[in-house]
Structure formats: C-alpha cells, structure tokens
Amino acid sequence: MTSEASERRAVQEPYEAELSKTRLEDENLQLKQAVLSHATVDQAIGVIVALGGLAPGRSWDVLREVSQRTNIKLRHVAELIIDWAQTGDLPRDIREELESRLRQAKCRVGGGNGAP
C-alpha cells in the first residue's frame, strides 16, 4: 500500500466510524419510538376492550378502522383514546367514528341483532 493510500484510509476510517455510529443511533431511536408506539396502541386496544366488550383482536380492528376512516395516524388515534379514558375528552370526529365502529363490531359479534 502506498503512503498516499494509507493517508487516505487514515482520513476515511474516522469518517466511516462516525457514519456507522450515527446510523446505529438513528436505528436505536427508531426502535425506541416503535416500542413506545406499540405500547400506546396496546393501551388503546385495552380501552376499547373494556369499553366495547370485544376481544383484543376485534378491538385492534376497530382502532385501525377509526384511524383509516378519520385519516389520522393510528398512533395518534391511540393517544387520543388513552387521553379520553383519563379525561373524558375525545375529539368529536374520533368519538363518532369509534361509536360507529363499536356498534358495527357488536352487531357482528352478536349475530347481527345488536346484542353484544
């Protein structure tokens, strides 16, 4: 290896190490955010289970449908539902869509007659 190539490598190595470190830090942050988001969604599912008397899987469907029909990110809808469980306040559009999805879910579970 020539001295010029050695010098170039000596300059590149710290840069590559810093780049690798930055990538790992970004990935770590993304994983932390995913874990927190997952916990938030799980808590919101629990609220829907308690409120609607549905199985967790069906409650997940309700949460997802509310998010899709209101065009609000799932995590944000989950946060709003958790806040609602604590404060009693839920934005009108979310509340109406949640009530509608719960009615439909209960009808499906109860055989279409509205019984839970």
PDB file of N, CA and C in Angstrom:
ATOM      1  N   MET A   1       0.848  -1.160   0.000  1.00  0.00           N
ATOM      2  CA  MET A   1       0.000   0.000   0.000  1.00  0.00           C
ATOM      3  C   MET A   1       0.901   1.233   0.000  1.00  0.00           C
ATOM      4  N   THR A   2       0.570   2.180  -0.853  1.00  0.00           N
ATOM      5  CA  THR A   2       1.365   3.402  -0.924  1.00  0.00           C
ATOM      6  C   THR A   2       1.060   4.294   0.263  1.00  0.00           C
ATOM      7  N   SER A   3       1.952   5.226   0.511  1.00  0.00           N
ATOM      8  CA  SER A   3       1.728   6.135   1.642  1.00  0.00           C
ATOM      9  C   SER A   3       0.506   7.023   1.380  1.00  0.00           C
ATOM     10  N   GLU A   4       0.268   7.340   0.110  1.00  0.00           N
ATOM     11  CA  GLU A   4      -0.914   8.145  -0.226  1.00  0.00           C
ATOM     12  C   GLU A   4      -2.186   7.369   0.087  1.00  0.00           C
ATOM     13  N   ALA A   5      -2.224   6.098  -0.243  1.00  0.00           N
ATOM     14  CA  ALA A   5      -3.391   5.258   0.048  1.00  0.00           C
ATOM     15  C   ALA A   5      -3.554   5.099   1.559  1.00  0.00           C
ATOM     16  N   SER A   6      -2.469   4.969   2.273  1.00  0.00           N
ATOM     17  CA  SER A   6      -2.531   4.861   3.736  1.00  0.00           C
ATOM     18  C   SER A   6      -3.092   6.130   4.359  1.00  0.00           C
ATOM     19  N   GLU A   7      -2.651   7.246   3.839  1.00  0.00           N
ATOM     20  CA  GLU A   7      -3.150   8.521   4.364  1.00  0.00           C
ATOM     21  C   GLU A   7      -4.644   8.684   4.093  1.00  0.00           C
ATOM     22  N   ARG A   8      -5.051   8.301   2.884  1.00  0.00           N
ATOM     23  CA  ARG A   8      -6.463   8.393   2.528  1.00  0.00           C
ATOM     24  C   ARG A   8      -7.307   7.502   3.438  1.00  0.00           C
ATOM     25  N   ARG A   9      -6.800   6.305   3.692  1.00  0.00           N
ATOM     26  CA  ARG A   9      -7.513   5.368   4.568  1.00  0.00           C
ATOM     27  C   ARG A   9      -7.580   5.920   5.992  1.00  0.00           C
ATOM     28  N   ALA A  10      -6.519   6.531   6.440  1.00  0.00           N
ATOM     29  CA  ALA A  10      -6.479   7.093   7.790  1.00  0.00           C
ATOM     30  C   ALA A  10      -7.506   8.221   7.936  1.00  0.00           C
ATOM     31  N   VAL A  11      -7.750   8.942   6.865  1.00  0.00           N
ATOM     32  CA  VAL A  11      -8.742  10.014   6.891  1.00  0.00           C
ATOM     33  C   VAL A  11     -10.153   9.432   6.821  1.00  0.00           C
ATOM     34  N   GLN A  12     -10.343   8.389   6.038  1.00  0.00           N
ATOM     35  CA  GLN A  12     -11.668   7.805   5.832  1.00  0.00           C
ATOM     36  C   GLN A  12     -12.170   7.024   7.041  1.00  0.00           C
ATOM     37  N   GLU A  13     -11.306   6.342   7.743  1.00  0.00           N
ATOM     38  CA  GLU A  13     -11.730   5.483   8.845  1.00  0.00           C
ATOM     39  C   GLU A  13     -12.522   6.226   9.928  1.00  0.00           C
ATOM     40  N   PRO A  14     -12.060   7.366  10.418  1.00  0.00           N
ATOM     41  CA  PRO A  14     -12.859   8.079  11.430  1.00  0.00           C
ATOM     42  C   PRO A  14     -14.215   8.525  10.878  1.00  0.00           C
ATOM     43  N   TYR A  15     -14.226   8.957   9.615  1.00  0.00           N
ATOM     44  CA  TYR A  15     -15.476   9.373   8.988  1.00  0.00           C
ATOM     45  C   TYR A  15     -16.452   8.193   8.913  1.00  0.00           C
ATOM     46  N   GLU A  16     -15.963   7.036   8.467  1.00  0.00           N
ATOM     47  CA  GLU A  16     -16.807   5.850   8.354  1.00  0.00           C
ATOM     48  C   GLU A  16     -17.284   5.382   9.727  1.00  0.00           C
ATOM     49  N   ALA A  17     -16.423   5.472  10.725  1.00  0.00           N
ATOM     50  CA  ALA A  17     -16.819   5.090  12.084  1.00  0.00           C
ATOM     51  C   ALA A  17     -17.905   6.019  12.608  1.00  0.00           C
ATOM     52  N   GLU A  18     -17.768   7.315  12.370  1.00  0.00           N
ATOM     53  CA  GLU A  18     -18.779   8.285  12.798  1.00  0.00           C
ATOM     54  C   GLU A  18     -20.098   8.059  12.063  1.00  0.00           C
ATOM     55  N   LEU A  19     -20.027   7.762  10.778  1.00  0.00           N
ATOM     56  CA  LEU A  19     -21.217   7.479   9.986  1.00  0.00           C
ATOM     57  C   LEU A  19     -21.921   6.228  10.509  1.00  0.00           C
ATOM     58  N   SER A  20     -21.157   5.207  10.810  1.00  0.00           N
ATOM     59  CA  SER A  20     -21.714   3.976  11.364  1.00  0.00           C
ATOM     60  C   SER A  20     -22.367   4.227  12.720  1.00  0.00           C
ATOM     61  N   LYS A  21     -21.703   5.015  13.549  1.00  0.00           N
ATOM     62  CA  LYS A  21     -22.245   5.364  14.864  1.00  0.00           C
ATOM     63  C   LYS A  21     -23.562   6.116  14.716  1.00  0.00           C
ATOM     64  N   THR A  22     -23.613   7.073  13.798  1.00  0.00           N
ATOM     65  CA  THR A  22     -24.828   7.855  13.568  1.00  0.00           C
ATOM     66  C   THR A  22     -25.964   6.955  13.092  1.00  0.00           C
ATOM     67  N   ARG A  23     -25.663   6.044  12.204  1.00  0.00           N
ATOM     68  CA  ARG A  23     -26.693   5.106  11.714  1.00  0.00           C
ATOM     69  C   ARG A  23     -27.229   4.244  12.853  1.00  0.00           C
ATOM     70  N   LEU A  24     -26.346   3.757  13.708  1.00  0.00           N
ATOM     71  CA  LEU A  24     -26.777   2.937  14.837  1.00  0.00           C
ATOM     72  C   LEU A  24     -27.621   3.742  15.830  1.00  0.00           C
ATOM     73  N   GLU A  25     -27.228   4.989  16.061  1.00  0.00           N
ATOM     74  CA  GLU A  25     -28.013   5.845  16.955  1.00  0.00           C
ATOM     75  C   GLU A  25     -29.407   6.102  16.382  1.00  0.00           C
ATOM     76  N   ASP A  26     -29.492   6.340  15.066  1.00  0.00           N
ATOM     77  CA  ASP A  26     -30.783   6.550  14.411  1.00  0.00           C
ATOM     78  C   ASP A  26     -31.653   5.301  14.509  1.00  0.00           C
ATOM     79  N   GLU A  27     -31.053   4.150  14.268  1.00  0.00           N
ATOM     80  CA  GLU A  27     -31.796   2.893  14.356  1.00  0.00           C
ATOM     81  C   GLU A  27     -32.285   2.652  15.782  1.00  0.00           C
ATOM     82  N   ASN A  28     -31.441   2.942  16.758  1.00  0.00           N
ATOM     83  CA  ASN A  28     -31.816   2.783  18.162  1.00  0.00           C
ATOM     84  C   ASN A  28     -32.993   3.687  18.516  1.00  0.00           C
ATOM     85  N   LEU A  29     -32.963   4.919  18.045  1.00  0.00           N
ATOM     86  CA  LEU A  29     -34.058   5.856  18.285  1.00  0.00           C
ATOM     87  C   LEU A  29     -35.347   5.362  17.639  1.00  0.00           C
ATOM     88  N   GLN A  30     -35.258   4.869  16.425  1.00  0.00           N
ATOM     89  CA  GLN A  30     -36.436   4.342  15.729  1.00  0.00           C
ATOM     90  C   GLN A  30     -37.027   3.150  16.480  1.00  0.00           C
ATOM     91  N   LEU A  31     -36.170   2.281  16.994  1.00  0.00           N
ATOM     92  CA  LEU A  31     -36.654   1.120  17.746  1.00  0.00           C
ATOM     93  C   LEU A  31     -37.329   1.549  19.046  1.00  0.00           C
ATOM     94  N   LYS A  32     -36.753   2.544  19.728  1.00  0.00           N
ATOM     95  CA  LYS A  32     -37.371   3.061  20.951  1.00  0.00           C
ATOM     96  C   LYS A  32     -38.748   3.649  20.646  1.00  0.00           C
ATOM     97  N   GLN A  33     -38.834   4.408  19.567  1.00  0.00           N
ATOM     98  CA  GLN A  33     -40.113   5.006  19.183  1.00  0.00           C
ATOM     99  C   GLN A  33     -41.122   3.922  18.828  1.00  0.00           C
ATOM    100  N   ALA A  34     -40.689   2.869  18.175  1.00  0.00           N
ATOM    101  CA  ALA A  34     -41.589   1.779  17.814  1.00  0.00           C
ATOM    102  C   ALA A  34     -42.121   1.075  19.059  1.00  0.00           C
ATOM    103  N   VAL A  35     -41.258   0.865  20.038  1.00  0.00           N
ATOM    104  CA  VAL A  35     -41.692   0.217  21.283  1.00  0.00           C
ATOM    105  C   VAL A  35     -42.718   1.090  22.006  1.00  0.00           C
ATOM    106  N   LEU A  36     -42.445   2.391  22.084  1.00  0.00           N
ATOM    107  CA  LEU A  36     -43.392   3.299  22.729  1.00  0.00           C
ATOM    108  C   LEU A  36     -44.714   3.348  21.973  1.00  0.00           C
ATOM    109  N   SER A  37     -44.647   3.393  20.664  1.00  0.00           N
ATOM    110  CA  SER A  37     -45.854   3.422  19.844  1.00  0.00           C
ATOM    111  C   SER A  37     -46.658   2.140  20.036  1.00  0.00           C
ATOM    112  N   HIS A  38     -45.967   1.015  20.090  1.00  0.00           N
ATOM    113  CA  HIS A  38     -46.630  -0.281  20.288  1.00  0.00           C
ATOM    114  C   HIS A  38     -47.333  -0.303  21.639  1.00  0.00           C
ATOM    115  N   ALA A  39     -46.687   0.205  22.665  1.00  0.00           N
ATOM    116  CA  ALA A  39     -47.290   0.245  23.996  1.00  0.00           C
ATOM    117  C   ALA A  39     -48.524   1.137  23.998  1.00  0.00           C
ATOM    118  N   THR A  40     -48.447   2.256  23.312  1.00  0.00           N
ATOM    119  CA  THR A  40     -49.589   3.170  23.222  1.00  0.00           C
ATOM    120  C   THR A  40     -50.762   2.499  22.529  1.00  0.00           C
ATOM    121  N   VAL A  41     -50.496   1.828  21.425  1.00  0.00           N
ATOM    122  CA  VAL A  41     -51.549   1.128  20.694  1.00  0.00           C
ATOM    123  C   VAL A  41     -52.146   0.027  21.562  1.00  0.00           C
ATOM    124  N   ASP A  42     -51.307  -0.715  22.277  1.00  0.00           N
ATOM    125  CA  ASP A  42     -51.811  -1.773  23.158  1.00  0.00           C
ATOM    126  C   ASP A  42     -52.717  -1.211  24.253  1.00  0.00           C
ATOM    127  N   GLN A  43     -52.346  -0.069  24.810  1.00  0.00           N
ATOM    128  CA  GLN A  43     -53.180   0.551  25.842  1.00  0.00           C
ATOM    129  C   GLN A  43     -54.528   0.980  25.266  1.00  0.00           C
ATOM    130  N   ALA A  44     -54.512   1.554  24.070  1.00  0.00           N
ATOM    131  CA  ALA A  44     -55.764   1.969  23.433  1.00  0.00           C
ATOM    132  C   ALA A  44     -56.644   0.754  23.135  1.00  0.00           C
ATOM    133  N   ILE A  45     -56.041  -0.333  22.721  1.00  0.00           N
ATOM    134  CA  ILE A  45     -56.801  -1.560  22.489  1.00  0.00           C
ATOM    135  C   ILE A  45     -57.455  -1.997  23.797  1.00  0.00           C
ATOM    136  N   GLY A  46     -56.727  -1.892  24.899  1.00  0.00           N
ATOM    137  CA  GLY A  46     -57.288  -2.233  26.209  1.00  0.00           C
ATOM    138  C   GLY A  46     -58.490  -1.376  26.557  1.00  0.00           C
ATOM    139  N   VAL A  47     -58.430  -0.094  26.241  1.00  0.00           N
ATOM    140  CA  VAL A  47     -59.568   0.796  26.493  1.00  0.00           C
ATOM    141  C   VAL A  47     -60.762   0.337  25.665  1.00  0.00           C
ATOM    142  N   ILE A  48     -60.525   0.003  24.411  1.00  0.00           N
ATOM    143  CA  ILE A  48     -61.616  -0.441  23.538  1.00  0.00           C
ATOM    144  C   ILE A  48     -62.173  -1.778  24.000  1.00  0.00           C
ATOM    145  N   VAL A  49     -61.310  -2.669  24.467  1.00  0.00           N
ATOM    146  CA  VAL A  49     -61.773  -3.954  25.023  1.00  0.00           C
ATOM    147  C   VAL A  49     -62.722  -3.688  26.187  1.00  0.00           C
ATOM    148  N   ALA A  50     -62.294  -2.811  27.097  1.00  0.00           N
ATOM    149  CA  ALA A  50     -63.110  -2.509  28.280  1.00  0.00           C
ATOM    150  C   ALA A  50     -64.400  -1.795  27.893  1.00  0.00           C
ATOM    151  N   LEU A  51     -64.316  -0.879  26.971  1.00  0.00           N
ATOM    152  CA  LEU A  51     -65.470  -0.090  26.564  1.00  0.00           C
ATOM    153  C   LEU A  51     -66.466  -0.921  25.760  1.00  0.00           C
ATOM    154  N   GLY A  52     -65.947  -1.654  24.809  1.00  0.00           N
ATOM    155  CA  GLY A  52     -66.830  -2.350  23.867  1.00  0.00           C
ATOM    156  C   GLY A  52     -67.098  -3.794  24.176  1.00  0.00           C
ATOM    157  N   GLY A  53     -66.398  -4.345  25.145  1.00  0.00           N
ATOM    158  CA  GLY A  53     -66.595  -5.756  25.462  1.00  0.00           C
ATOM    159  C   GLY A  53     -66.194  -6.671  24.311  1.00  0.00           C
ATOM    160  N   LEU A  54     -65.206  -6.242  23.550  1.00  0.00           N
ATOM    161  CA  LEU A  54     -64.747  -7.020  22.402  1.00  0.00           C
ATOM    162  C   LEU A  54     -63.451  -7.742  22.733  1.00  0.00           C
ATOM    163  N   ALA A  55     -63.143  -8.731  21.934  1.00  0.00           N
ATOM    164  CA  ALA A  55     -61.861  -9.417  22.049  1.00  0.00           C
ATOM    165  C   ALA A  55     -60.753  -8.463  21.595  1.00  0.00           C
ATOM    166  N   PRO A  56     -59.536  -8.652  22.076  1.00  0.00           N
ATOM    167  CA  PRO A  56     -58.434  -7.772  21.667  1.00  0.00           C
ATOM    168  C   PRO A  56     -58.234  -7.689  20.153  1.00  0.00           C
ATOM    169  N   GLY A  57     -58.359  -8.797  19.473  1.00  0.00           N
ATOM    170  CA  GLY A  57     -58.182  -8.783  18.015  1.00  0.00           C
ATOM    171  C   GLY A  57     -59.214  -7.910  17.327  1.00  0.00           C
ATOM    172  N   ARG A  58     -60.451  -8.020  17.764  1.00  0.00           N
ATOM    173  CA  ARG A  58     -61.516  -7.197  17.175  1.00  0.00           C
ATOM    174  C   ARG A  58     -61.339  -5.729  17.587  1.00  0.00           C
ATOM    175  N   SER A  59     -60.854  -5.494  18.795  1.00  0.00           N
ATOM    176  CA  SER A  59     -60.593  -4.128  19.244  1.00  0.00           C
ATOM    177  C   SER A  59     -59.490  -3.490  18.409  1.00  0.00           C
ATOM    178  N   TRP A  60     -58.496  -4.284  18.041  1.00  0.00           N
ATOM    179  CA  TRP A  60     -57.442  -3.801  17.136  1.00  0.00           C
ATOM    180  C   TRP A  60     -58.061  -3.364  15.811  1.00  0.00           C
ATOM    181  N   ASP A  61     -58.984  -4.187  15.285  1.00  0.00           N
ATOM    182  CA  ASP A  61     -59.651  -3.851  14.031  1.00  0.00           C
ATOM    183  C   ASP A  61     -60.405  -2.525  14.150  1.00  0.00           C
ATOM    184  N   VAL A  62     -61.107  -2.340  15.274  1.00  0.00           N
ATOM    185  CA  VAL A  62     -61.860  -1.108  15.499  1.00  0.00           C
ATOM    186  C   VAL A  62     -60.903   0.087  15.512  1.00  0.00           C
ATOM    187  N   LEU A  63     -59.808  -0.017  16.236  1.00  0.00           N
ATOM    188  CA  LEU A  63     -58.830   1.062  16.309  1.00  0.00           C
ATOM    189  C   LEU A  63     -58.291   1.393  14.925  1.00  0.00           C
ATOM    190  N   ARG A  64     -57.939   0.380  14.179  1.00  0.00           N
ATOM    191  CA  ARG A  64     -57.400   0.569  12.830  1.00  0.00           C
ATOM    192  C   ARG A  64     -58.433   1.223  11.917  1.00  0.00           C
ATOM    193  N   GLU A  65     -59.688   0.763  12.008  1.00  0.00           N
ATOM    194  CA  GLU A  65     -60.747   1.325  11.172  1.00  0.00           C
ATOM    195  C   GLU A  65     -61.006   2.796  11.510  1.00  0.00           C
ATOM    196  N   VAL A  66     -60.988   3.139  12.797  1.00  0.00           N
ATOM    197  CA  VAL A  66     -61.170   4.534  13.196  1.00  0.00           C
ATOM    198  C   VAL A  66     -60.045   5.382  12.598  1.00  0.00           C
ATOM    199  N   SER A  67     -58.837   4.887  12.673  1.00  0.00           N
ATOM    200  CA  SER A  67     -57.696   5.606  12.118  1.00  0.00           C
ATOM    201  C   SER A  67     -57.865   5.807  10.611  1.00  0.00           C
ATOM    202  N   GLN A  68     -58.232   4.766   9.909  1.00  0.00           N
ATOM    203  CA  GLN A  68     -58.365   4.849   8.460  1.00  0.00           C
ATOM    204  C   GLN A  68     -59.504   5.775   8.053  1.00  0.00           C
ATOM    205  N   ARG A  69     -60.630   5.671   8.727  1.00  0.00           N
ATOM    206  CA  ARG A  69     -61.811   6.445   8.334  1.00  0.00           C
ATOM    207  C   ARG A  69     -61.709   7.920   8.711  1.00  0.00           C
ATOM    208  N   THR A  70     -60.893   8.238   9.703  1.00  0.00           N
ATOM    209  CA  THR A  70     -60.699   9.642  10.072  1.00  0.00           C
ATOM    210  C   THR A  70     -59.433  10.213   9.443  1.00  0.00           C
ATOM    211  N   ASN A  71     -58.664   9.352   8.799  1.00  0.00           N
ATOM    212  CA  ASN A  71     -57.412   9.751   8.158  1.00  0.00           C
ATOM    213  C   ASN A  71     -56.442  10.381   9.163  1.00  0.00           C
ATOM    214  N   ILE A  72     -56.382   9.754  10.344  1.00  0.00           N
ATOM    215  CA  ILE A  72     -55.468  10.189  11.402  1.00  0.00           C
ATOM    216  C   ILE A  72     -54.573   9.000  11.725  1.00  0.00           C
ATOM    217  N   LYS A  73     -53.294   9.255  11.900  1.00  0.00           N
ATOM    218  CA  LYS A  73     -52.354   8.164  12.164  1.00  0.00           C
ATOM    219  C   LYS A  73     -52.812   7.323  13.350  1.00  0.00           C
ATOM    220  N   LEU A  74     -52.608   6.031  13.226  1.00  0.00           N
ATOM    221  CA  LEU A  74     -53.031   5.073  14.240  1.00  0.00           C
ATOM    222  C   LEU A  74     -52.496   5.433  15.620  1.00  0.00           C
ATOM    223  N   ARG A  75     -51.211   5.758  15.695  1.00  0.00           N
ATOM    224  CA  ARG A  75     -50.606   6.099  16.977  1.00  0.00           C
ATOM    225  C   ARG A  75     -51.291   7.306  17.610  1.00  0.00           C
ATOM    226  N   HIS A  76     -51.635   8.290  16.782  1.00  0.00           N
ATOM    227  CA  HIS A  76     -52.281   9.490  17.312  1.00  0.00           C
ATOM    228  C   HIS A  76     -53.704   9.174  17.793  1.00  0.00           C
ATOM    229  N   VAL A  77     -54.441   8.367  17.040  1.00  0.00           N
ATOM    230  CA  VAL A  77     -55.774   7.947  17.488  1.00  0.00           C
ATOM    231  C   VAL A  77     -55.652   7.202  18.812  1.00  0.00           C
ATOM    232  N   ALA A  78     -54.657   6.342  18.919  1.00  0.00           N
ATOM    233  CA  ALA A  78     -54.438   5.591  20.164  1.00  0.00           C
ATOM    234  C   ALA A  78     -54.165   6.547  21.320  1.00  0.00           C
ATOM    235  N   GLU A  79     -53.332   7.551  21.097  1.00  0.00           N
ATOM    236  CA  GLU A  79     -53.040   8.537  22.147  1.00  0.00           C
ATOM    237  C   GLU A  79     -54.318   9.260  22.580  1.00  0.00           C
ATOM    238  N   LEU A  80     -55.141   9.632  21.610  1.00  0.00           N
ATOM    239  CA  LEU A  80     -56.390  10.334  21.920  1.00  0.00           C
ATOM    240  C   LEU A  80     -57.337   9.459  22.736  1.00  0.00           C
ATOM    241  N   ILE A  81     -57.393   8.180  22.400  1.00  0.00           N
ATOM    242  CA  ILE A  81     -58.268   7.261  23.128  1.00  0.00           C
ATOM    243  C   ILE A  81     -57.770   7.067  24.558  1.00  0.00           C
ATOM    244  N   ILE A  82     -56.475   6.963  24.735  1.00  0.00           N
ATOM    245  CA  ILE A  82     -55.916   6.842  26.088  1.00  0.00           C
ATOM    246  C   ILE A  82     -56.212   8.104  26.893  1.00  0.00           C
ATOM    247  N   ASP A  83     -56.007   9.261  26.281  1.00  0.00           N
ATOM    248  CA  ASP A  83     -56.329  10.525  26.960  1.00  0.00           C
ATOM    249  C   ASP A  83     -57.811  10.579  27.321  1.00  0.00           C
ATOM    250  N   TRP A  84     -58.655  10.131  26.434  1.00  0.00           N
ATOM    251  CA  TRP A  84     -60.096  10.112  26.654  1.00  0.00           C
ATOM    252  C   TRP A  84     -60.451   9.266  27.875  1.00  0.00           C
ATOM    253  N   ALA A  85     -59.779   8.127  28.008  1.00  0.00           N
ATOM    254  CA  ALA A  85     -60.032   7.259  29.160  1.00  0.00           C
ATOM    255  C   ALA A  85     -59.673   7.967  30.466  1.00  0.00           C
ATOM    256  N   GLN A  86     -58.727   8.889  30.400  1.00  0.00           N
ATOM    257  CA  GLN A  86     -58.278   9.604  31.599  1.00  0.00           C
ATOM    258  C   GLN A  86     -59.034  10.903  31.841  1.00  0.00           C
ATOM    259  N   THR A  87     -59.441  11.577  30.761  1.00  0.00           N
ATOM    260  CA  THR A  87     -60.022  12.914  30.906  1.00  0.00           C
ATOM    261  C   THR A  87     -61.498  13.002  30.533  1.00  0.00           C
ATOM    262  N   GLY A  88     -61.963  12.040  29.755  1.00  0.00           N
ATOM    263  CA  GLY A  88     -63.336  12.095  29.263  1.00  0.00           C
ATOM    264  C   GLY A  88     -63.476  12.932  28.006  1.00  0.00           C
ATOM    265  N   ASP A  89     -62.389  13.500  27.513  1.00  0.00           N
ATOM    266  CA  ASP A  89     -62.416  14.341  26.311  1.00  0.00           C
ATOM    267  C   ASP A  89     -61.893  13.563  25.110  1.00  0.00           C
ATOM    268  N   LEU A  90     -62.699  13.558  24.041  1.00  0.00           N
ATOM    269  CA  LEU A  90     -62.300  12.913  22.794  1.00  0.00           C
ATOM    270  C   LEU A  90     -62.834  13.772  21.657  1.00  0.00           C
ATOM    271  N   PRO A  91     -61.991  14.105  20.682  1.00  0.00           N
ATOM    272  CA  PRO A  91     -62.483  14.907  19.560  1.00  0.00           C
ATOM    273  C   PRO A  91     -63.726  14.269  18.933  1.00  0.00           C
ATOM    274  N   ARG A  92     -64.639  15.123  18.537  1.00  0.00           N
ATOM    275  CA  ARG A  92     -65.943  14.670  18.057  1.00  0.00           C
ATOM    276  C   ARG A  92     -65.836  13.661  16.908  1.00  0.00           C
ATOM    277  N   ASP A  93     -64.994  13.944  15.923  1.00  0.00           N
ATOM    278  CA  ASP A  93     -64.894  13.034  14.782  1.00  0.00           C
ATOM    279  C   ASP A  93     -64.397  11.652  15.209  1.00  0.00           C
ATOM    280  N   ILE A  94     -63.461  11.615  16.122  1.00  0.00           N
ATOM    281  CA  ILE A  94     -62.946  10.335  16.614  1.00  0.00           C
ATOM    282  C   ILE A  94     -64.041   9.623  17.415  1.00  0.00           C
ATOM    283  N   ARG A  95     -64.715  10.356  18.286  1.00  0.00           N
ATOM    284  CA  ARG A  95     -65.767   9.764  19.120  1.00  0.00           C
ATOM    285  C   ARG A  95     -66.875   9.171  18.254  1.00  0.00           C
ATOM    286  N   GLU A  96     -67.332   9.919  17.262  1.00  0.00           N
ATOM    287  CA  GLU A  96     -68.411   9.434  16.395  1.00  0.00           C
ATOM    288  C   GLU A  96     -67.986   8.199  15.619  1.00  0.00           C
ATOM    289  N   GLU A  97     -66.784   8.226  15.100  1.00  0.00           N
ATOM    290  CA  GLU A  97     -66.298   7.067  14.336  1.00  0.00           C
ATOM    291  C   GLU A  97     -66.095   5.865  15.249  1.00  0.00           C
ATOM    292  N   LEU A  98     -65.566   6.089  16.437  1.00  0.00           N
ATOM    293  CA  LEU A  98     -65.377   4.999  17.399  1.00  0.00           C
ATOM    294  C   LEU A  98     -66.725   4.387  17.774  1.00  0.00           C
ATOM    295  N   GLU A  99     -67.702   5.223  18.064  1.00  0.00           N
ATOM    296  CA  GLU A  99     -69.031   4.712  18.408  1.00  0.00           C
ATOM    297  C   GLU A  99     -69.630   3.902  17.258  1.00  0.00           C
ATOM    298  N   SER A 100     -69.474   4.402  16.052  1.00  0.00           N
ATOM    299  CA  SER A 100     -69.980   3.695  14.874  1.00  0.00           C
ATOM    300  C   SER A 100     -69.294   2.338  14.695  1.00  0.00           C
ATOM    301  N   ARG A 101     -67.969   2.324  14.807  1.00  0.00           N
ATOM    302  CA  ARG A 101     -67.212   1.067  14.650  1.00  0.00           C
ATOM    303  C   ARG A 101     -67.571   0.080  15.760  1.00  0.00           C
ATOM    304  N   LEU A 102     -67.769   0.575  16.986  1.00  0.00           N
ATOM    305  CA  LEU A 102     -68.144  -0.311  18.091  1.00  0.00           C
ATOM    306  C   LEU A 102     -69.531  -0.906  17.864  1.00  0.00           C
ATOM    307  N   ARG A 103     -70.472  -0.086  17.397  1.00  0.00           N
ATOM    308  CA  ARG A 103     -71.817  -0.613  17.100  1.00  0.00           C
ATOM    309  C   ARG A 103     -71.737  -1.718  16.058  1.00  0.00           C
ATOM    310  N   GLN A 104     -70.986  -1.478  15.004  1.00  0.00           N
ATOM    311  CA  GLN A 104     -70.854  -2.489  13.957  1.00  0.00           C
ATOM    312  C   GLN A 104     -70.179  -3.749  14.481  1.00  0.00           C
ATOM    313  N   ALA A 105     -69.154  -3.581  15.278  1.00  0.00           N
ATOM    314  CA  ALA A 105     -68.432  -4.736  15.819  1.00  0.00           C
ATOM    315  C   ALA A 105     -69.342  -5.557  16.731  1.00  0.00           C
ATOM    316  N   LYS A 106     -70.137  -4.874  17.547  1.00  0.00           N
ATOM    317  CA  LYS A 106     -71.044  -5.591  18.446  1.00  0.00           C
ATOM    318  C   LYS A 106     -72.124  -6.324  17.670  1.00  0.00           C
ATOM    319  N   CYS A 107     -72.602  -5.728  16.583  1.00  0.00           N
ATOM    320  CA  CYS A 107     -73.590  -6.405  15.747  1.00  0.00           C
ATOM    321  C   CYS A 107     -73.019  -7.673  15.131  1.00  0.00           C
ATOM    322  N   ARG A 108     -71.780  -7.604  14.691  1.00  0.00           N
ATOM    323  CA  ARG A 108     -71.142  -8.796  14.102  1.00  0.00           C
ATOM    324  C   ARG A 108     -70.946  -9.870  15.141  1.00  0.00           C
ATOM    325  N   VAL A 109     -70.520  -9.488  16.334  1.00  0.00           N
ATOM    326  CA  VAL A 109     -70.288 -10.450  17.412  1.00  0.00           C
ATOM    327  C   VAL A 109     -71.608 -11.045  17.885  1.00  0.00           C
ATOM    328  N   GLY A 110     -72.641 -10.207  17.960  1.00  0.00           N
ATOM    329  CA  GLY A 110     -73.935 -10.649  18.486  1.00  0.00           C
ATOM    330  C   GLY A 110     -74.819 -11.273  17.449  1.00  0.00           C
ATOM    331  N   GLY A 111     -74.317 -11.556  16.264  1.00  0.00           N
ATOM    332  CA  GLY A 111     -75.121 -12.214  15.259  1.00  0.00           C
ATOM    333  C   GLY A 111     -76.020 -11.272  14.482  1.00  0.00           C
ATOM    334  N   GLY A 112     -75.709  -9.979  14.505  1.00  0.00           N
ATOM    335  CA  GLY A 112     -76.444  -9.044  13.691  1.00  0.00           C
ATOM    336  C   GLY A 112     -77.668  -8.442  14.356  1.00  0.00           C
ATOM    337  N   ASN A 113     -77.976  -8.804  15.577  1.00  0.00           N
ATOM    338  CA  ASN A 113     -79.164  -8.274  16.230  1.00  0.00           C
ATOM    339  C   ASN A 113     -78.864  -7.162  17.211  1.00  0.00           C
ATOM    340  N   GLY A 114     -77.603  -6.715  17.247  1.00  0.00           N
ATOM    341  CA  GLY A 114     -77.243  -5.623  18.132  1.00  0.00           C
ATOM    342  C   GLY A 114     -76.862  -6.067  19.519  1.00  0.00           C
ATOM    343  N   ALA A 115     -77.055  -7.347  19.854  1.00  0.00           N
ATOM    344  CA  ALA A 115     -76.696  -7.838  21.181  1.00  0.00           C
ATOM    345  C   ALA A 115     -75.202  -8.054  21.259  1.00  0.00           C
ATOM    346  N   PRO A 116     -74.575  -7.722  22.376  1.00  0.00           N
ATOM    347  CA  PRO A 116     -73.126  -7.932  22.495  1.00  0.00           C
ATOM    348  C   PRO A 116     -72.767  -9.399  22.585  1.00  0.00           C
TER     349      PRO A 116
END
